[in-house]
């Protein structure tokens, strides 16, 4: 299991949180489900803001390796996850945030 660089949150927890919000869940409901009550709701909001703030830098970093793939969704998060999948795993669904950290040898939020 991989932890976000500089945090005590597992990458899979953050990925589950982002996917739940993308799927239509509210942020509080998505965080409670993803973190299983182990972390406070304010932690979820702080991580969401960090993720939002880093999205442009993440997309720019990924674009240096391969163009963004076609995505049926217009949601920026769906496009980011598709791009991560294309660069890191050939479209499979592993822990994309952990794979990104291993690929870049830096924390998910360190690229800003």
PDB file of N, CA and C in Angstrom:
ATOM      1  N   UNK A   1       0.837  -1.183   0.000  1.00  0.00           N
ATOM      2  CA  UNK A   1       0.000   0.000   0.000  1.00  0.00           C
ATOM      3  C   UNK A   1       0.878   1.241   0.000  1.00  0.00           C
ATOM      4  N   UNK A   2       0.469   2.211  -0.754  1.00  0.00           N
ATOM      5  CA  UNK A   2       1.270   3.418  -0.904  1.00  0.00           C
ATOM      6  C   UNK A   2       0.585   4.607  -0.249  1.00  0.00           C
ATOM      7  N   UNK A   3       1.389   5.461   0.330  1.00  0.00           N
ATOM      8  CA  UNK A   3       0.907   6.655   1.013  1.00  0.00           C
ATOM      9  C   UNK A   3       1.260   7.867   0.159  1.00  0.00           C
ATOM     10  N   UNK A   4       0.388   8.879   0.168  1.00  0.00           N
ATOM     11  CA  UNK A   4       0.687  10.126  -0.532  1.00  0.00           C
ATOM     12  C   UNK A   4       1.934  10.750   0.060  1.00  0.00           C
ATOM     13  N   UNK A   5       2.817  11.225  -0.788  1.00  0.00           N
ATOM     14  CA  UNK A   5       4.033  11.866  -0.311  1.00  0.00           C
ATOM     15  C   UNK A   5       3.713  13.046   0.585  1.00  0.00           C
ATOM     16  N   UNK A   6       4.233  13.033   1.815  1.00  0.00           N
ATOM     17  CA  UNK A   6       4.027  14.124   2.750  1.00  0.00           C
ATOM     18  C   UNK A   6       2.724  14.061   3.524  1.00  0.00           C
ATOM     19  N   UNK A   7       1.974  12.992   3.382  1.00  0.00           N
ATOM     20  CA  UNK A   7       0.680  12.850   4.061  1.00  0.00           C
ATOM     21  C   UNK A   7       0.592  11.480   4.716  1.00  0.00           C
ATOM     22  N   UNK A   8      -0.452  11.274   5.508  1.00  0.00           N
ATOM     23  CA  UNK A   8      -0.698   9.974   6.116  1.00  0.00           C
ATOM     24  C   UNK A   8      -1.873   9.271   5.451  1.00  0.00           C
ATOM     25  N   UNK A   9      -2.235   9.733   4.283  1.00  0.00           N
ATOM     26  CA  UNK A   9      -3.385   9.197   3.550  1.00  0.00           C
ATOM     27  C   UNK A   9      -2.886   8.265   2.454  1.00  0.00           C
ATOM     28  N   UNK A  10      -3.501   7.133   2.342  1.00  0.00           N
ATOM     29  CA  UNK A  10      -3.144   6.184   1.291  1.00  0.00           C
ATOM     30  C   UNK A  10      -3.624   6.707  -0.070  1.00  0.00           C
ATOM     31  N   UNK A  11      -2.825   6.425  -1.085  1.00  0.00           N
ATOM     32  CA  UNK A  11      -3.181   6.887  -2.427  1.00  0.00           C
ATOM     33  C   UNK A  11      -4.511   6.287  -2.881  1.00  0.00           C
ATOM     34  N   UNK A  12      -4.762   5.056  -2.515  1.00  0.00           N
ATOM     35  CA  UNK A  12      -6.011   4.410  -2.918  1.00  0.00           C
ATOM     36  C   UNK A  12      -7.218   5.071  -2.250  1.00  0.00           C
ATOM     37  N   UNK A  13      -7.044   5.596  -1.046  1.00  0.00           N
ATOM     38  CA  UNK A  13      -8.126   6.323  -0.374  1.00  0.00           C
ATOM     39  C   UNK A  13      -8.472   7.576  -1.159  1.00  0.00           C
ATOM     40  N   UNK A  14      -7.455   8.326  -1.571  1.00  0.00           N
ATOM     41  CA  UNK A  14      -7.692   9.544  -2.334  1.00  0.00           C
ATOM     42  C   UNK A  14      -8.293   9.231  -3.701  1.00  0.00           C
ATOM     43  N   UNK A  15      -7.828   8.174  -4.334  1.00  0.00           N
ATOM     44  CA  UNK A  15      -8.375   7.787  -5.631  1.00  0.00           C
ATOM     45  C   UNK A  15      -9.837   7.365  -5.501  1.00  0.00           C
ATOM     46  N   UNK A  16     -10.159   6.607  -4.472  1.00  0.00           N
ATOM     47  CA  UNK A  16     -11.551   6.201  -4.236  1.00  0.00           C
ATOM     48  C   UNK A  16     -12.438   7.412  -3.986  1.00  0.00           C
ATOM     49  N   UNK A  17     -11.917   8.359  -3.241  1.00  0.00           N
ATOM     50  CA  UNK A  17     -12.631   9.600  -2.955  1.00  0.00           C
ATOM     51  C   UNK A  17     -12.926  10.363  -4.250  1.00  0.00           C
ATOM     52  N   UNK A  18     -11.897  10.549  -5.089  1.00  0.00           N
ATOM     53  CA  UNK A  18     -12.073  11.277  -6.352  1.00  0.00           C
ATOM     54  C   UNK A  18     -13.051  10.562  -7.276  1.00  0.00           C
ATOM     55  N   UNK A  19     -12.951   9.241  -7.350  1.00  0.00           N
ATOM     56  CA  UNK A  19     -13.865   8.481  -8.219  1.00  0.00           C
ATOM     57  C   UNK A  19     -15.305   8.548  -7.715  1.00  0.00           C
ATOM     58  N   UNK A  20     -15.490   8.548  -6.402  1.00  0.00           N
ATOM     59  CA  UNK A  20     -16.841   8.642  -5.848  1.00  0.00           C
ATOM     60  C   UNK A  20     -17.459  10.005  -6.144  1.00  0.00           C
ATOM     61  N   UNK A  21     -16.665  11.067  -6.014  1.00  0.00           N
ATOM     62  CA  UNK A  21     -17.164  12.409  -6.336  1.00  0.00           C
ATOM     63  C   UNK A  21     -17.485  12.478  -7.822  1.00  0.00           C
ATOM     64  N   UNK A  22     -16.634  11.917  -8.654  1.00  0.00           N
ATOM     65  CA  UNK A  22     -16.869  11.878 -10.091  1.00  0.00           C
ATOM     66  C   UNK A  22     -18.138  11.094 -10.416  1.00  0.00           C
ATOM     67  N   UNK A  23     -18.413  10.075  -9.624  1.00  0.00           N
ATOM     68  CA  UNK A  23     -19.613   9.263  -9.824  1.00  0.00           C
ATOM     69  C   UNK A  23     -20.894   9.918  -9.337  1.00  0.00           C
ATOM     70  N   UNK A  24     -20.789  11.089  -8.728  1.00  0.00           N
ATOM     71  CA  UNK A  24     -21.980  11.812  -8.321  1.00  0.00           C
ATOM     72  C   UNK A  24     -22.202  11.921  -6.822  1.00  0.00           C
ATOM     73  N   UNK A  25     -21.345  11.319  -6.035  1.00  0.00           N
ATOM     74  CA  UNK A  25     -21.497  11.408  -4.577  1.00  0.00           C
ATOM     75  C   UNK A  25     -21.079  12.803  -4.099  1.00  0.00           C
ATOM     76  N   UNK A  26     -21.665  13.239  -3.014  1.00  0.00           N
ATOM     77  CA  UNK A  26     -21.222  14.502  -2.418  1.00  0.00           C
ATOM     78  C   UNK A  26     -19.839  14.279  -1.818  1.00  0.00           C
ATOM     79  N   UNK A  27     -19.083  15.346  -1.643  1.00  0.00           N
ATOM     80  CA  UNK A  27     -17.745  15.194  -1.064  1.00  0.00           C
ATOM     81  C   UNK A  27     -17.787  14.607   0.344  1.00  0.00           C
ATOM     82  N   UNK A  28     -18.698  15.049   1.227  1.00  0.00           N
ATOM     83  CA  UNK A  28     -18.716  14.415   2.560  1.00  0.00           C
ATOM     84  C   UNK A  28     -19.033  12.921   2.492  1.00  0.00           C
ATOM     85  N   UNK A  29     -20.010  12.548   1.690  1.00  0.00           N
ATOM     86  CA  UNK A  29     -20.372  11.129   1.589  1.00  0.00           C
ATOM     87  C   UNK A  29     -19.235  10.323   0.973  1.00  0.00           C
ATOM     88  N   UNK A  30     -18.605  10.874  -0.053  1.00  0.00           N
ATOM     89  CA  UNK A  30     -17.502  10.177  -0.710  1.00  0.00           C
ATOM     90  C   UNK A  30     -16.325   9.995   0.238  1.00  0.00           C
ATOM     91  N   UNK A  31     -16.017  11.038   1.031  1.00  0.00           N
ATOM     92  CA  UNK A  31     -14.893  10.948   1.961  1.00  0.00           C
ATOM     93  C   UNK A  31     -15.175   9.945   3.074  1.00  0.00           C
ATOM     94  N   UNK A  32     -16.381   9.984   3.619  1.00  0.00           N
ATOM     95  CA  UNK A  32     -16.720   9.037   4.685  1.00  0.00           C
ATOM     96  C   UNK A  32     -16.604   7.604   4.191  1.00  0.00           C
ATOM     97  N   UNK A  33     -17.007   7.365   2.961  1.00  0.00           N
ATOM     98  CA  UNK A  33     -16.908   6.021   2.393  1.00  0.00           C
ATOM     99  C   UNK A  33     -15.449   5.652   2.109  1.00  0.00           C
ATOM    100  N   UNK A  34     -14.700   6.547   1.501  1.00  0.00           N
ATOM    101  CA  UNK A  34     -13.319   6.250   1.113  1.00  0.00           C
ATOM    102  C   UNK A  34     -12.400   6.114   2.323  1.00  0.00           C
ATOM    103  N   UNK A  35     -12.554   6.992   3.297  1.00  0.00           N
ATOM    104  CA  UNK A  35     -11.667   6.986   4.463  1.00  0.00           C
ATOM    105  C   UNK A  35     -12.171   6.077   5.570  1.00  0.00           C
ATOM    106  N   UNK A  36     -13.347   5.541   5.416  1.00  0.00           N
ATOM    107  CA  UNK A  36     -13.948   4.632   6.408  1.00  0.00           C
ATOM    108  C   UNK A  36     -13.974   5.231   7.802  1.00  0.00           C
ATOM    109  N   UNK A  37     -14.127   6.542   7.889  1.00  0.00           N
ATOM    110  CA  UNK A  37     -14.207   7.203   9.181  1.00  0.00           C
ATOM    111  C   UNK A  37     -12.885   7.351   9.904  1.00  0.00           C
ATOM    112  N   UNK A  38     -11.777   6.924   9.288  1.00  0.00           N
ATOM    113  CA  UNK A  38     -10.475   6.978   9.953  1.00  0.00           C
ATOM    114  C   UNK A  38      -9.876   8.380   9.969  1.00  0.00           C
ATOM    115  N   UNK A  39     -10.313   9.233   9.054  1.00  0.00           N
ATOM    116  CA  UNK A  39      -9.787  10.594   8.963  1.00  0.00           C
ATOM    117  C   UNK A  39     -10.944  11.574   8.992  1.00  0.00           C
ATOM    118  N   UNK A  40     -10.667  12.773   9.473  1.00  0.00           N
ATOM    119  CA  UNK A  40     -11.732  13.769   9.609  1.00  0.00           C
ATOM    120  C   UNK A  40     -12.213  14.276   8.254  1.00  0.00           C
ATOM    121  N   UNK A  41     -13.421  14.800   8.259  1.00  0.00           N
ATOM    122  CA  UNK A  41     -13.995  15.370   7.048  1.00  0.00           C
ATOM    123  C   UNK A  41     -13.176  16.565   6.576  1.00  0.00           C
ATOM    124  N   UNK A  42     -12.634  17.342   7.509  1.00  0.00           N
ATOM    125  CA  UNK A  42     -11.811  18.485   7.109  1.00  0.00           C
ATOM    126  C   UNK A  42     -10.559  18.019   6.363  1.00  0.00           C
ATOM    127  N   UNK A  43     -10.046  16.842   6.682  1.00  0.00           N
ATOM    128  CA  UNK A  43      -8.915  16.287   5.934  1.00  0.00           C
ATOM    129  C   UNK A  43      -9.318  16.021   4.489  1.00  0.00           C
ATOM    130  N   UNK A  44     -10.510  15.496   4.307  1.00  0.00           N
ATOM    131  CA  UNK A  44     -11.010  15.246   2.958  1.00  0.00           C
ATOM    132  C   UNK A  44     -11.139  16.526   2.157  1.00  0.00           C
ATOM    133  N   UNK A  45     -11.670  17.571   2.783  1.00  0.00           N
ATOM    134  CA  UNK A  45     -11.799  18.849   2.091  1.00  0.00           C
ATOM    135  C   UNK A  45     -10.430  19.439   1.750  1.00  0.00           C
ATOM    136  N   UNK A  46      -9.481  19.342   2.672  1.00  0.00           N
ATOM    137  CA  UNK A  46      -8.131  19.861   2.399  1.00  0.00           C
ATOM    138  C   UNK A  46      -7.487  19.110   1.236  1.00  0.00           C
ATOM    139  N   UNK A  47      -7.617  17.789   1.221  1.00  0.00           N
ATOM    140  CA  UNK A  47      -7.041  17.015   0.130  1.00  0.00           C
ATOM    141  C   UNK A  47      -7.738  17.320  -1.195  1.00  0.00           C
ATOM    142  N   UNK A  48      -9.041  17.534  -1.150  1.00  0.00           N
ATOM    143  CA  UNK A  48      -9.771  17.872  -2.374  1.00  0.00           C
ATOM    144  C   UNK A  48      -9.252  19.201  -2.943  1.00  0.00           C
ATOM    145  N   UNK A  49      -9.045  20.175  -2.065  1.00  0.00           N
ATOM    146  CA  UNK A  49      -8.517  21.466  -2.535  1.00  0.00           C
ATOM    147  C   UNK A  49      -7.117  21.291  -3.124  1.00  0.00           C
ATOM    148  N   UNK A  50      -6.277  20.478  -2.510  1.00  0.00           N
ATOM    149  CA  UNK A  50      -4.935  20.226  -3.045  1.00  0.00           C
ATOM    150  C   UNK A  50      -5.017  19.540  -4.404  1.00  0.00           C
ATOM    151  N   UNK A  51      -5.935  18.599  -4.510  1.00  0.00           N
ATOM    152  CA  UNK A  51      -6.108  17.885  -5.772  1.00  0.00           C
ATOM    153  C   UNK A  51      -6.606  18.826  -6.866  1.00  0.00           C
ATOM    154  N   UNK A  52      -7.549  19.675  -6.513  1.00  0.00           N
ATOM    155  CA  UNK A  52      -8.063  20.664  -7.466  1.00  0.00           C
ATOM    156  C   UNK A  52      -6.942  21.601  -7.920  1.00  0.00           C
ATOM    157  N   UNK A  53      -6.156  22.078  -6.975  1.00  0.00           N
ATOM    158  CA  UNK A  53      -5.085  23.022  -7.285  1.00  0.00           C
ATOM    159  C   UNK A  53      -3.983  22.394  -8.134  1.00  0.00           C
ATOM    160  N   UNK A  54      -3.781  21.097  -8.007  1.00  0.00           N
ATOM    161  CA  UNK A  54      -2.698  20.438  -8.737  1.00  0.00           C
ATOM    162  C   UNK A  54      -3.132  19.866 -10.078  1.00  0.00           C
ATOM    163  N   UNK A  55      -4.411  19.932 -10.384  1.00  0.00           N
ATOM    164  CA  UNK A  55      -4.900  19.281 -11.601  1.00  0.00           C
ATOM    165  C   UNK A  55      -4.215  19.797 -12.869  1.00  0.00           C
ATOM    166  N   UNK A  56      -4.041  21.087 -13.008  1.00  0.00           N
ATOM    167  CA  UNK A  56      -3.395  21.639 -14.207  1.00  0.00           C
ATOM    168  C   UNK A  56      -1.950  21.164 -14.325  1.00  0.00           C
ATOM    169  N   UNK A  57      -1.233  21.166 -13.212  1.00  0.00           N
ATOM    170  CA  UNK A  57       0.158  20.711 -13.235  1.00  0.00           C
ATOM    171  C   UNK A  57       0.233  19.214 -13.554  1.00  0.00           C
ATOM    172  N   UNK A  58      -0.687  18.441 -13.017  1.00  0.00           N
ATOM    173  CA  UNK A  58      -0.724  17.010 -13.323  1.00  0.00           C
ATOM    174  C   UNK A  58      -0.968  16.777 -14.809  1.00  0.00           C
ATOM    175  N   UNK A  59      -1.947  17.501 -15.367  1.00  0.00           N
ATOM    176  CA  UNK A  59      -2.267  17.341 -16.793  1.00  0.00           C
ATOM    177  C   UNK A  59      -1.083  17.767 -17.663  1.00  0.00           C
ATOM    178  N   UNK A  60      -0.410  18.847 -17.287  1.00  0.00           N
ATOM    179  CA  UNK A  60       0.751  19.303 -18.056  1.00  0.00           C
ATOM    180  C   UNK A  60       1.869  18.259 -18.014  1.00  0.00           C
ATOM    181  N   UNK A  61       2.098  17.698 -16.833  1.00  0.00           N
ATOM    182  CA  UNK A  61       3.138  16.673 -16.683  1.00  0.00           C
ATOM    183  C   UNK A  61       2.818  15.436 -17.519  1.00  0.00           C
ATOM    184  N   UNK A  62       1.561  15.013 -17.500  1.00  0.00           N
ATOM    185  CA  UNK A  62       1.153  13.844 -18.272  1.00  0.00           C
ATOM    186  C   UNK A  62       1.222  14.113 -19.774  1.00  0.00           C
ATOM    187  N   UNK A  63       0.906  15.339 -20.176  1.00  0.00           N
ATOM    188  CA  UNK A  63       0.912  15.691 -21.599  1.00  0.00           C
ATOM    189  C   UNK A  63       2.310  15.671 -22.195  1.00  0.00           C
ATOM    190  N   UNK A  64       3.320  15.827 -21.357  1.00  0.00           N
ATOM    191  CA  UNK A  64       4.692  15.733 -21.862  1.00  0.00           C
ATOM    192  C   UNK A  64       5.030  14.316 -22.303  1.00  0.00           C
ATOM    193  N   UNK A  65       4.303  13.333 -21.772  1.00  0.00           N
ATOM    194  CA  UNK A  65       4.594  11.946 -22.110  1.00  0.00           C
ATOM    195  C   UNK A  65       3.713  11.401 -23.219  1.00  0.00           C
ATOM    196  N   UNK A  66       2.445  11.779 -23.203  1.00  0.00           N
ATOM    197  CA  UNK A  66       1.528  11.317 -24.239  1.00  0.00           C
ATOM    198  C   UNK A  66       0.333  12.263 -24.307  1.00  0.00           C
ATOM    199  N   UNK A  67      -0.231  12.442 -25.483  1.00  0.00           N
ATOM    200  CA  UNK A  67      -1.425  13.289 -25.575  1.00  0.00           C
ATOM    201  C   UNK A  67      -2.572  12.681 -24.767  1.00  0.00           C
ATOM    202  N   UNK A  68      -3.465  13.534 -24.344  1.00  0.00           N
ATOM    203  CA  UNK A  68      -4.632  13.058 -23.588  1.00  0.00           C
ATOM    204  C   UNK A  68      -5.467  12.140 -24.480  1.00  0.00           C
ATOM    205  N   UNK A  69      -5.920  11.012 -23.954  1.00  0.00           N
ATOM    206  CA  UNK A  69      -6.735  10.108 -24.752  1.00  0.00           C
ATOM    207  C   UNK A  69      -8.161  10.647 -24.897  1.00  0.00           C
ATOM    208  N   UNK A  70      -8.875  10.115 -25.852  1.00  0.00           N
ATOM    209  CA  UNK A  70     -10.282  10.480 -26.008  1.00  0.00           C
ATOM    210  C   UNK A  70     -11.039  10.004 -24.780  1.00  0.00           C
ATOM    211  N   UNK A  71     -11.935  10.837 -24.301  1.00  0.00           N
ATOM    212  CA  UNK A  71     -12.716  10.504 -23.115  1.00  0.00           C
ATOM    213  C   UNK A  71     -14.153  10.899 -23.388  1.00  0.00           C
ATOM    214  N   UNK A  72     -15.068  10.016 -23.084  1.00  0.00           N
ATOM    215  CA  UNK A  72     -16.478  10.283 -23.358  1.00  0.00           C
ATOM    216  C   UNK A  72     -17.081  11.301 -22.394  1.00  0.00           C
ATOM    217  N   UNK A  73     -16.430  11.518 -21.277  1.00  0.00           N
ATOM    218  CA  UNK A  73     -16.940  12.455 -20.280  1.00  0.00           C
ATOM    219  C   UNK A  73     -16.324  13.831 -20.482  1.00  0.00           C
ATOM    220  N   UNK A  74     -17.116  14.854 -20.210  1.00  0.00           N
ATOM    221  CA  UNK A  74     -16.605  16.219 -20.268  1.00  0.00           C
ATOM    222  C   UNK A  74     -16.065  16.668 -18.913  1.00  0.00           C
ATOM    223  N   UNK A  75     -16.222  15.835 -17.896  1.00  0.00           N
ATOM    224  CA  UNK A  75     -15.756  16.170 -16.553  1.00  0.00           C
ATOM    225  C   UNK A  75     -14.224  16.161 -16.518  1.00  0.00           C
ATOM    226  N   UNK A  76     -13.609  17.233 -16.037  1.00  0.00           N
ATOM    227  CA  UNK A  76     -12.142  17.293 -15.984  1.00  0.00           C
ATOM    228  C   UNK A  76     -11.523  16.127 -15.218  1.00  0.00           C
ATOM    229  N   UNK A  77     -12.184  15.680 -14.144  1.00  0.00           N
ATOM    230  CA  UNK A  77     -11.622  14.575 -13.356  1.00  0.00           C
ATOM    231  C   UNK A  77     -11.629  13.279 -14.134  1.00  0.00           C
ATOM    232  N   UNK A  78     -12.668  13.044 -14.901  1.00  0.00           N
ATOM    233  CA  UNK A  78     -12.713  11.835 -15.730  1.00  0.00           C
ATOM    234  C   UNK A  78     -11.604  11.870 -16.765  1.00  0.00           C
ATOM    235  N   UNK A  79     -11.367  13.051 -17.327  1.00  0.00           N
ATOM    236  CA  UNK A  79     -10.305  13.196 -18.313  1.00  0.00           C
ATOM    237  C   UNK A  79      -8.931  12.996 -17.678  1.00  0.00           C
ATOM    238  N   UNK A  80      -8.738  13.525 -16.475  1.00  0.00           N
ATOM    239  CA  UNK A  80      -7.466  13.343 -15.779  1.00  0.00           C
ATOM    240  C   UNK A  80      -7.220  11.872 -15.465  1.00  0.00           C
ATOM    241  N   UNK A  81      -8.223  11.178 -14.965  1.00  0.00           N
ATOM    242  CA  UNK A  81      -8.053   9.759 -14.645  1.00  0.00           C
ATOM    243  C   UNK A  81      -7.790   8.940 -15.903  1.00  0.00           C
ATOM    244  N   UNK A  82      -8.445   9.286 -17.013  1.00  0.00           N
ATOM    245  CA  UNK A  82      -8.188   8.590 -18.275  1.00  0.00           C
ATOM    246  C   UNK A  82      -6.757   8.838 -18.744  1.00  0.00           C
ATOM    247  N   UNK A  83      -6.293  10.069 -18.582  1.00  0.00           N
ATOM    248  CA  UNK A  83      -4.928  10.413 -18.985  1.00  0.00           C
ATOM    249  C   UNK A  83      -3.915   9.679 -18.101  1.00  0.00           C
ATOM    250  N   UNK A  84      -4.157   9.648 -16.796  1.00  0.00           N
ATOM    251  CA  UNK A  84      -3.285   8.884 -15.897  1.00  0.00           C
ATOM    252  C   UNK A  84      -3.235   7.421 -16.314  1.00  0.00           C
ATOM    253  N   UNK A  85      -4.400   6.862 -16.620  1.00  0.00           N
ATOM    254  CA  UNK A  85      -4.461   5.465 -17.037  1.00  0.00           C
ATOM    255  C   UNK A  85      -3.690   5.210 -18.321  1.00  0.00           C
ATOM    256  N   UNK A  86      -3.781   6.154 -19.262  1.00  0.00           N
ATOM    257  CA  UNK A  86      -3.079   5.984 -20.538  1.00  0.00           C
ATOM    258  C   UNK A  86      -1.562   6.044 -20.363  1.00  0.00           C
ATOM    259  N   UNK A  87      -1.095   6.935 -19.519  1.00  0.00           N
ATOM    260  CA  UNK A  87       0.346   7.092 -19.326  1.00  0.00           C
ATOM    261  C   UNK A  87       0.916   5.969 -18.463  1.00  0.00           C
ATOM    262  N   UNK A  88       0.190   5.582 -17.428  1.00  0.00           N
ATOM    263  CA  UNK A  88       0.775   4.713 -16.410  1.00  0.00           C
ATOM    264  C   UNK A  88       0.465   3.236 -16.522  1.00  0.00           C
ATOM    265  N   UNK A  89      -0.662   2.904 -17.118  1.00  0.00           N
ATOM    266  CA  UNK A  89      -1.034   1.494 -17.044  1.00  0.00           C
ATOM    267  C   UNK A  89      -1.636   0.944 -18.321  1.00  0.00           C
ATOM    268  N   UNK A  90      -1.584   1.700 -19.368  1.00  0.00           N
ATOM    269  CA  UNK A  90      -2.169   1.216 -20.611  1.00  0.00           C
ATOM    270  C   UNK A  90      -3.670   1.071 -20.533  1.00  0.00           C
ATOM    271  N   UNK A  91      -4.315   1.823 -19.650  1.00  0.00           N
ATOM    272  CA  UNK A  91      -5.775   1.804 -19.563  1.00  0.00           C
ATOM    273  C   UNK A  91      -6.342   0.918 -18.468  1.00  0.00           C
ATOM    274  N   UNK A  92      -5.492   0.126 -17.793  1.00  0.00           N
ATOM    275  CA  UNK A  92      -5.997  -0.710 -16.700  1.00  0.00           C
ATOM    276  C   UNK A  92      -6.336   0.179 -15.504  1.00  0.00           C
ATOM    277  N   UNK A  93      -6.918  -0.396 -14.473  1.00  0.00           N
ATOM    278  CA  UNK A  93      -7.360   0.390 -13.317  1.00  0.00           C
ATOM    279  C   UNK A  93      -6.597   0.050 -12.035  1.00  0.00           C
ATOM    280  N   UNK A  94      -5.287   0.257 -11.983  1.00  0.00           N
ATOM    281  CA  UNK A  94      -4.579   0.053 -10.720  1.00  0.00           C
ATOM    282  C   UNK A  94      -4.741   1.294  -9.851  1.00  0.00           C
ATOM    283  N   UNK A  95      -3.932   1.404  -8.841  1.00  0.00           N
ATOM    284  CA  UNK A  95      -3.909   2.598  -8.012  1.00  0.00           C
ATOM    285  C   UNK A  95      -3.137   3.661  -8.790  1.00  0.00           C
ATOM    286  N   UNK A  96      -3.856   4.481  -9.540  1.00  0.00           N
ATOM    287  CA  UNK A  96      -3.234   5.436 -10.449  1.00  0.00           C
ATOM    288  C   UNK A  96      -2.360   6.463  -9.743  1.00  0.00           C
ATOM    289  N   UNK A  97      -2.778   6.920  -8.558  1.00  0.00           N
ATOM    290  CA  UNK A  97      -1.979   7.919  -7.848  1.00  0.00           C
ATOM    291  C   UNK A  97      -0.663   7.320  -7.357  1.00  0.00           C
ATOM    292  N   UNK A  98      -0.694   6.079  -6.888  1.00  0.00           N
ATOM    293  CA  UNK A  98       0.543   5.412  -6.463  1.00  0.00           C
ATOM    294  C   UNK A  98       1.448   5.182  -7.672  1.00  0.00           C
ATOM    295  N   UNK A  99       0.862   4.779  -8.786  1.00  0.00           N
ATOM    296  CA  UNK A  99       1.644   4.556 -10.000  1.00  0.00           C
ATOM    297  C   UNK A  99       2.280   5.860 -10.484  1.00  0.00           C
ATOM    298  N   UNK A 100       1.552   6.968 -10.366  1.00  0.00           N
ATOM    299  CA  UNK A 100       2.105   8.269 -10.763  1.00  0.00           C
ATOM    300  C   UNK A 100       3.286   8.641  -9.883  1.00  0.00           C
ATOM    301  N   UNK A 101       3.144   8.438  -8.578  1.00  0.00           N
ATOM    302  CA  UNK A 101       4.242   8.755  -7.661  1.00  0.00           C
ATOM    303  C   UNK A 101       5.471   7.900  -7.956  1.00  0.00           C
ATOM    304  N   UNK A 102       5.257   6.629  -8.243  1.00  0.00           N
ATOM    305  CA  UNK A 102       6.385   5.749  -8.562  1.00  0.00           C
ATOM    306  C   UNK A 102       7.014   6.140  -9.901  1.00  0.00           C
ATOM    307  N   UNK A 103       6.189   6.493 -10.854  1.00  0.00           N
ATOM    308  CA  UNK A 103       6.661   6.862 -12.191  1.00  0.00           C
ATOM    309  C   UNK A 103       7.486   8.149 -12.167  1.00  0.00           C
ATOM    310  N   UNK A 104       7.034   9.131 -11.412  1.00  0.00           N
ATOM    311  CA  UNK A 104       7.709  10.427 -11.382  1.00  0.00           C
ATOM    312  C   UNK A 104       8.734  10.535 -10.252  1.00  0.00           C
ATOM    313  N   UNK A 105       8.729   9.562  -9.345  1.00  0.00           N
ATOM    314  CA  UNK A 105       9.613   9.588  -8.181  1.00  0.00           C
ATOM    315  C   UNK A 105       9.422  10.856  -7.351  1.00  0.00           C
ATOM    316  N   UNK A 106       8.161  11.298  -7.253  1.00  0.00           N
ATOM    317  CA  UNK A 106       7.828  12.455  -6.420  1.00  0.00           C
ATOM    318  C   UNK A 106       6.402  12.284  -5.909  1.00  0.00           C
ATOM    319  N   UNK A 107       6.049  13.070  -4.920  1.00  0.00           N
ATOM    320  CA  UNK A 107       4.699  13.022  -4.379  1.00  0.00           C
ATOM    321  C   UNK A 107       3.694  13.565  -5.383  1.00  0.00           C
ATOM    322  N   UNK A 108       2.457  13.176  -5.229  1.00  0.00           N
ATOM    323  CA  UNK A 108       1.402  13.598  -6.144  1.00  0.00           C
ATOM    324  C   UNK A 108       1.269  15.111  -6.190  1.00  0.00           C
ATOM    325  N   UNK A 109       1.443  15.765  -5.055  1.00  0.00           N
ATOM    326  CA  UNK A 109       1.279  17.218  -4.995  1.00  0.00           C
ATOM    327  C   UNK A 109       2.595  17.976  -5.100  1.00  0.00           C
ATOM    328  N   UNK A 110       3.710  17.273  -5.305  1.00  0.00           N
ATOM    329  CA  UNK A 110       5.014  17.925  -5.376  1.00  0.00           C
ATOM    330  C   UNK A 110       5.307  18.537  -6.730  1.00  0.00           C
ATOM    331  N   UNK A 111       4.474  18.321  -7.715  1.00  0.00           N
ATOM    332  CA  UNK A 111       4.768  18.802  -9.064  1.00  0.00           C
ATOM    333  C   UNK A 111       4.266  20.219  -9.307  1.00  0.00           C
ATOM    334  N   UNK A 112       3.556  20.780  -8.355  1.00  0.00           N
ATOM    335  CA  UNK A 112       2.986  22.122  -8.542  1.00  0.00           C
ATOM    336  C   UNK A 112       4.063  23.175  -8.540  1.00  0.00           C
TER     337      UNK A 112
END
